[in-house]
Amino acid sequence: MKLYKLFFAKASLYLLQVLVLISSISCATMTASESENKYDQIKAENKIIKQNITLLIRENNVLKEENSKLKNENASLKSDLKLLEAKIELLNKNHEKEIALLNERYSTLLLQKDKLEQESSSKISQLQAENKALEEKLSSEILRLSLEIKNKEESFALEKSEMEKKYAEMEIALQKKISEAQNSLLSSQTQLESLKTEIVDLKDKLQSAQKIISEKDLTIEDLKKKNQTQEQNQK
C-alpha cells in the first residue's frame, strides 16, 4: 500500500510538471533569446520527466514481482489444501474400517449368542449381559467417531473458506494496483509524446526567429554602409 501511494504521488508530480510546462509555453510571448532559453529549460525538464517515467516503470516491475510472490503463495495454499483433503480422506477411510470391524465383531457375537442359547439357558443370561455392554460400547464408539468426523469436516470447511476468502481479497487488491499502474504509465507516455511535438514546434520557431534576426542584422549593416557612404560624400 505504501509503494502504491508513493507511485501515485510521483505520477501526480510528473503530471503537474507537464501542465506547468504547457501553460508556460502557451502563455509566453518570446523573443529569439527567450525562445532559446525556454528550449533549454524544456530540454532539462524533459530529461527529468524521462527519469520520472523510468522510475514509474521500475515501480511497475516491483508490483509485478509482488504479483509473482502472491501467485507462489497461492500455489502453496492450494498445495496445503490438497494435503488437508488427503488427510481427511484417509481419516474417513480409517473410521470406515473401524466401524466395519466393529460391525463384524458385533455380528460374530450375535452368532455366538444364538449358539450358546441352544446349549445353556444360564449361559444365555451371561451372554446377554455381555452383549448389552458391547452394544452400548459400540454405540458410544460409533457416536464418538461420527462426532469426530463431523467436527473435522466442519473445521476443514471453515479453514478452506478462510483461505479462499484471503486469496480472493489479495487477488482483487493486486489487480487493482496493476491496473492503476498501467493507466498511469500509459498517461505518462501520452504526455511525453505531446511534449516531443511541442519541442519540435519550438525548434521551428527558434529557427524562424534566428533567420529574421540574421536578415535584420544584414539590413542594419547595409544601412550603416549607406550612412558611411553618405557621410563621406558630404565631406
Protein backbone atom coordinates (compact mmCIF):
# COMPACT_ATOMS: atom_id res chain seq x y z
CA MET A 1 0.00 0.00 0.00
CA LYS A 2 2.87 2.40 0.83
CA LEU A 3 4.52 1.57 -2.50
CA TYR A 4 1.29 2.33 -4.35
CA LYS A 5 0.89 5.73 -2.57
CA LEU A 6 4.47 6.70 -3.46
CA PHE A 7 3.90 5.60 -7.07
CA PHE A 8 0.70 7.69 -7.28
CA ALA A 9 2.38 10.74 -5.71
CA LYS A 10 5.26 10.64 -8.19
CA ALA A 11 2.86 10.24 -11.12
CA SER A 12 0.83 13.24 -9.87
CA LEU A 13 4.01 15.35 -9.53
CA TYR A 14 5.02 14.41 -13.07
CA LEU A 15 1.57 15.43 -14.38
CA LEU A 16 1.80 18.78 -12.55
CA GLN A 17 5.20 19.42 -14.16
CA VAL A 18 3.77 18.75 -17.60
CA LEU A 19 0.78 21.07 -17.01
CA VAL A 20 3.03 23.89 -15.80
CA LEU A 21 5.28 23.39 -18.83
CA ILE A 22 2.33 23.50 -21.28
CA SER A 23 0.91 26.57 -19.56
CA SER A 24 4.19 28.43 -19.73
CA ILE A 25 4.60 27.60 -23.45
CA SER A 26 1.08 28.67 -24.44
CA CYS A 27 1.02 31.96 -22.44
CA ALA A 28 4.50 33.38 -23.13
CA THR A 29 5.38 35.81 -25.96
CA MET A 30 9.05 35.09 -26.57
CA THR A 31 11.90 36.77 -28.41
CA ALA A 32 14.54 34.67 -30.10
CA SER A 33 16.77 34.77 -27.00
CA GLU A 34 13.86 33.87 -24.73
CA SER A 35 12.90 31.02 -27.08
CA GLU A 36 16.39 29.60 -26.85
CA ASN A 37 16.34 29.80 -23.04
CA LYS A 38 12.89 28.27 -22.95
CA TYR A 39 14.05 25.50 -25.28
CA ASP A 40 16.97 24.69 -22.95
CA GLN A 41 14.59 24.72 -19.98
CA ILE A 42 12.21 22.35 -21.77
CA LYS A 43 15.08 20.00 -22.60
CA ALA A 44 16.10 19.92 -18.93
CA GLU A 45 12.52 19.36 -17.79
CA ASN A 46 12.05 16.70 -20.46
CA LYS A 47 15.12 14.90 -19.12
CA ILE A 48 13.67 14.97 -15.59
CA ILE A 49 10.33 13.72 -16.89
CA LYS A 50 12.03 10.82 -18.68
CA GLN A 51 13.80 9.93 -15.43
CA ASN A 52 10.43 10.01 -13.62
CA ILE A 53 8.94 7.69 -16.24
CA THR A 54 11.88 5.31 -15.77
CA LEU A 55 11.18 5.28 -12.02
CA LEU A 56 7.49 4.60 -12.68
CA ILE A 57 8.41 1.67 -14.92
CA ARG A 58 10.71 0.27 -12.20
CA GLU A 59 7.97 0.57 -9.61
CA ASN A 60 5.59 -1.20 -12.02
CA ASN A 61 8.14 -4.03 -12.23
CA VAL A 62 8.17 -4.18 -8.41
CA LEU A 63 4.39 -4.60 -8.47
CA LYS A 64 4.80 -7.41 -10.99
CA GLU A 65 7.29 -9.12 -8.65
CA GLU A 66 4.79 -8.80 -5.78
CA ASN A 67 2.16 -10.36 -8.03
CA SER A 68 4.52 -13.27 -8.73
CA LYS A 69 5.12 -13.74 -4.99
CA LEU A 70 1.37 -13.77 -4.32
CA LYS A 71 0.90 -16.36 -7.06
CA ASN A 72 3.57 -18.53 -5.42
CA GLU A 73 1.84 -18.14 -2.04
CA ASN A 74 -1.45 -19.09 -3.67
CA ALA A 75 0.16 -22.22 -5.14
CA SER A 76 1.47 -23.08 -1.65
CA LEU A 77 -2.01 -22.57 -0.15
CA LYS A 78 -3.52 -24.82 -2.80
CA SER A 79 -0.91 -27.47 -2.03
CA ASP A 80 -1.72 -27.26 1.70
CA LEU A 81 -5.41 -27.52 0.86
CA LYS A 82 -4.86 -30.70 -1.14
CA LEU A 83 -2.81 -32.13 1.72
CA LEU A 84 -5.64 -31.43 4.18
CA GLU A 85 -8.15 -33.04 1.83
CA ALA A 86 -5.94 -36.12 1.56
CA LYS A 87 -5.66 -36.33 5.37
CA ILE A 88 -9.45 -36.03 5.79
CA GLU A 89 -10.00 -38.72 3.17
CA LEU A 90 -7.52 -41.04 4.90
CA LEU A 91 -9.17 -40.38 8.26
CA ASN A 92 -12.60 -41.17 6.84
CA LYS A 93 -11.31 -44.44 5.37
CA ASN A 94 -9.78 -45.43 8.70
CA HIS A 95 -13.01 -44.64 10.51
CA GLU A 96 -14.99 -46.66 7.99
CA LYS A 97 -12.66 -49.62 8.52
CA GLU A 98 -13.03 -49.32 12.29
CA ILE A 99 -16.83 -49.20 12.03
CA ALA A 100 -16.84 -52.16 9.65
CA LEU A 101 -14.62 -54.11 12.05
CA LEU A 102 -16.89 -53.30 14.98
CA ASN A 103 -19.95 -54.33 12.97
CA GLU A 104 -18.23 -57.56 12.06
CA ARG A 105 -17.41 -58.27 15.69
CA TYR A 106 -20.98 -57.45 16.63
CA SER A 107 -22.34 -59.86 14.05
CA THR A 108 -19.98 -62.57 15.27
CA LEU A 109 -21.17 -62.09 18.83
CA LEU A 110 -24.76 -62.38 17.72
CA LEU A 111 -23.98 -65.71 16.12
CA GLN A 112 -22.21 -66.87 19.23
CA LYS A 113 -25.21 -65.79 21.28
CA ASP A 114 -27.58 -67.89 19.19
CA LYS A 115 -25.33 -70.89 19.55
CA LEU A 116 -24.95 -70.51 23.31
CA GLU A 117 -28.71 -70.08 23.77
CA GLN A 118 -29.12 -73.58 22.43
CA GLU A 119 -26.50 -75.00 24.81
CA SER A 120 -27.39 -73.42 28.15
CA SER A 121 -30.04 -71.07 29.47
CA SER A 122 -27.74 -69.87 32.25
CA LYS A 123 -25.10 -69.04 29.70
CA ILE A 124 -27.66 -67.03 27.75
CA SER A 125 -28.17 -64.53 30.58
CA GLN A 126 -24.44 -64.01 30.87
CA LEU A 127 -24.05 -63.53 27.14
CA GLN A 128 -26.98 -61.16 27.03
CA ALA A 129 -25.32 -59.01 29.64
CA GLU A 130 -22.05 -59.06 27.71
CA ASN A 131 -23.88 -58.33 24.50
CA LYS A 132 -25.67 -55.38 26.06
CA ALA A 133 -22.41 -53.94 27.32
CA LEU A 134 -20.83 -54.43 23.92
CA GLU A 135 -23.77 -52.77 22.18
CA GLU A 136 -23.53 -49.78 24.46
CA LYS A 137 -19.82 -49.55 23.89
CA LEU A 138 -20.29 -49.93 20.16
CA SER A 139 -22.99 -47.25 20.06
CA SER A 140 -20.83 -44.93 22.13
CA GLU A 141 -17.83 -45.56 19.87
CA ILE A 142 -19.87 -45.01 16.71
CA LEU A 143 -21.27 -41.80 18.16
CA ARG A 144 -17.79 -40.64 19.13
CA LEU A 145 -16.40 -41.41 15.67
CA SER A 146 -19.34 -39.69 13.97
CA LEU A 147 -18.88 -36.57 16.08
CA GLU A 148 -15.14 -36.58 15.43
CA ILE A 149 -15.69 -36.86 11.68
CA LYS A 150 -18.30 -34.10 11.77
CA ASN A 151 -16.03 -31.78 13.76
CA LYS A 152 -13.10 -32.39 11.44
CA GLU A 153 -15.25 -31.77 8.37
CA GLU A 154 -16.59 -28.51 9.84
CA SER A 155 -13.09 -27.41 10.80
CA PHE A 156 -11.78 -28.24 7.33
CA ALA A 157 -14.68 -26.40 5.63
CA LEU A 158 -14.05 -23.31 7.78
CA GLU A 159 -10.32 -23.35 7.08
CA LYS A 160 -10.95 -23.82 3.36
CA SER A 161 -13.42 -20.92 3.30
CA GLU A 162 -10.97 -18.60 5.09
CA MET A 163 -8.14 -19.47 2.69
CA GLU A 164 -10.36 -18.89 -0.36
CA LYS A 165 -11.56 -15.56 1.05
CA LYS A 166 -7.99 -14.45 1.81
CA TYR A 167 -6.81 -15.40 -1.68
CA ALA A 168 -9.74 -13.58 -3.33
CA GLU A 169 -9.04 -10.37 -1.36
CA MET A 170 -5.33 -10.49 -2.19
CA GLU A 171 -6.03 -11.10 -5.87
CA ILE A 172 -8.54 -8.19 -6.08
CA ALA A 173 -6.14 -5.77 -4.36
CA LEU A 174 -3.26 -6.80 -6.62
CA GLN A 175 -5.31 -6.49 -9.81
CA LYS A 176 -6.36 -3.00 -8.72
CA LYS A 177 -2.73 -1.95 -8.15
CA ILE A 178 -1.62 -3.34 -11.53
CA SER A 179 -4.50 -1.63 -13.37
CA GLU A 180 -3.76 1.75 -11.77
CA ALA A 181 -0.04 1.44 -12.50
CA GLN A 182 -0.71 0.58 -16.16
CA ASN A 183 -3.12 3.52 -16.56
CA SER A 184 -0.59 5.91 -15.02
CA LEU A 185 2.20 4.64 -17.27
CA LEU A 186 0.01 4.98 -20.38
CA SER A 187 -0.89 8.57 -19.42
CA SER A 188 2.80 9.42 -18.88
CA GLN A 189 3.77 8.05 -22.28
CA THR A 190 0.99 10.05 -23.99
CA GLN A 191 2.10 13.27 -22.31
CA LEU A 192 5.73 12.60 -23.28
CA GLU A 193 4.74 12.29 -26.95
CA SER A 194 2.87 15.61 -26.66
CA LEU A 195 5.98 17.28 -25.21
CA LYS A 196 8.12 15.92 -28.04
CA THR A 197 5.74 17.53 -30.55
CA GLU A 198 5.88 20.87 -28.70
CA ILE A 199 9.69 20.76 -28.63
CA VAL A 200 9.78 20.28 -32.42
CA ASP A 201 7.45 23.29 -32.82
CA LEU A 202 9.70 25.40 -30.57
CA LYS A 203 12.74 24.41 -32.62
CA ASP A 204 10.98 25.58 -35.78
CA LYS A 205 10.01 28.88 -34.12
CA LEU A 206 13.58 29.37 -32.88
CA GLN A 207 15.00 28.79 -36.36
CA SER A 208 12.50 31.26 -37.83
CA ALA A 209 13.42 33.87 -35.21
CA GLN A 210 17.13 33.37 -35.85
CA LYS A 211 16.53 33.77 -39.57
CA ILE A 212 14.63 37.04 -39.01
CA ILE A 213 17.43 38.33 -36.74
CA SER A 214 20.03 37.46 -39.37
CA GLU A 215 18.05 39.32 -42.01
CA LYS A 216 17.71 42.35 -39.73
CA ASP A 217 21.46 42.26 -38.99
CA LEU A 218 22.16 42.33 -42.73
CA THR A 219 19.75 45.23 -43.18
CA ILE A 220 21.46 47.16 -40.37
CA GLU A 221 24.87 46.54 -41.93
CA ASP A 222 23.60 47.79 -45.27
CA LEU A 223 22.18 50.90 -43.58
CA LYS A 224 25.49 51.53 -41.80
CA LYS A 225 27.39 51.22 -45.07
CA LYS A 226 24.98 53.57 -46.82
CA ASN A 227 25.25 56.05 -43.96
CA GLN A 228 29.05 55.96 -44.06
CA THR A 229 28.96 56.47 -47.82
CA GLN A 230 26.67 59.48 -47.46
CA GLU A 231 28.89 60.98 -44.76
CA GLN A 232 31.96 60.59 -46.94
CA ASN A 233 30.15 62.18 -49.88
CA GLN A 234 29.09 65.13 -47.70
CA LYS A 235 32.70 65.65 -46.59
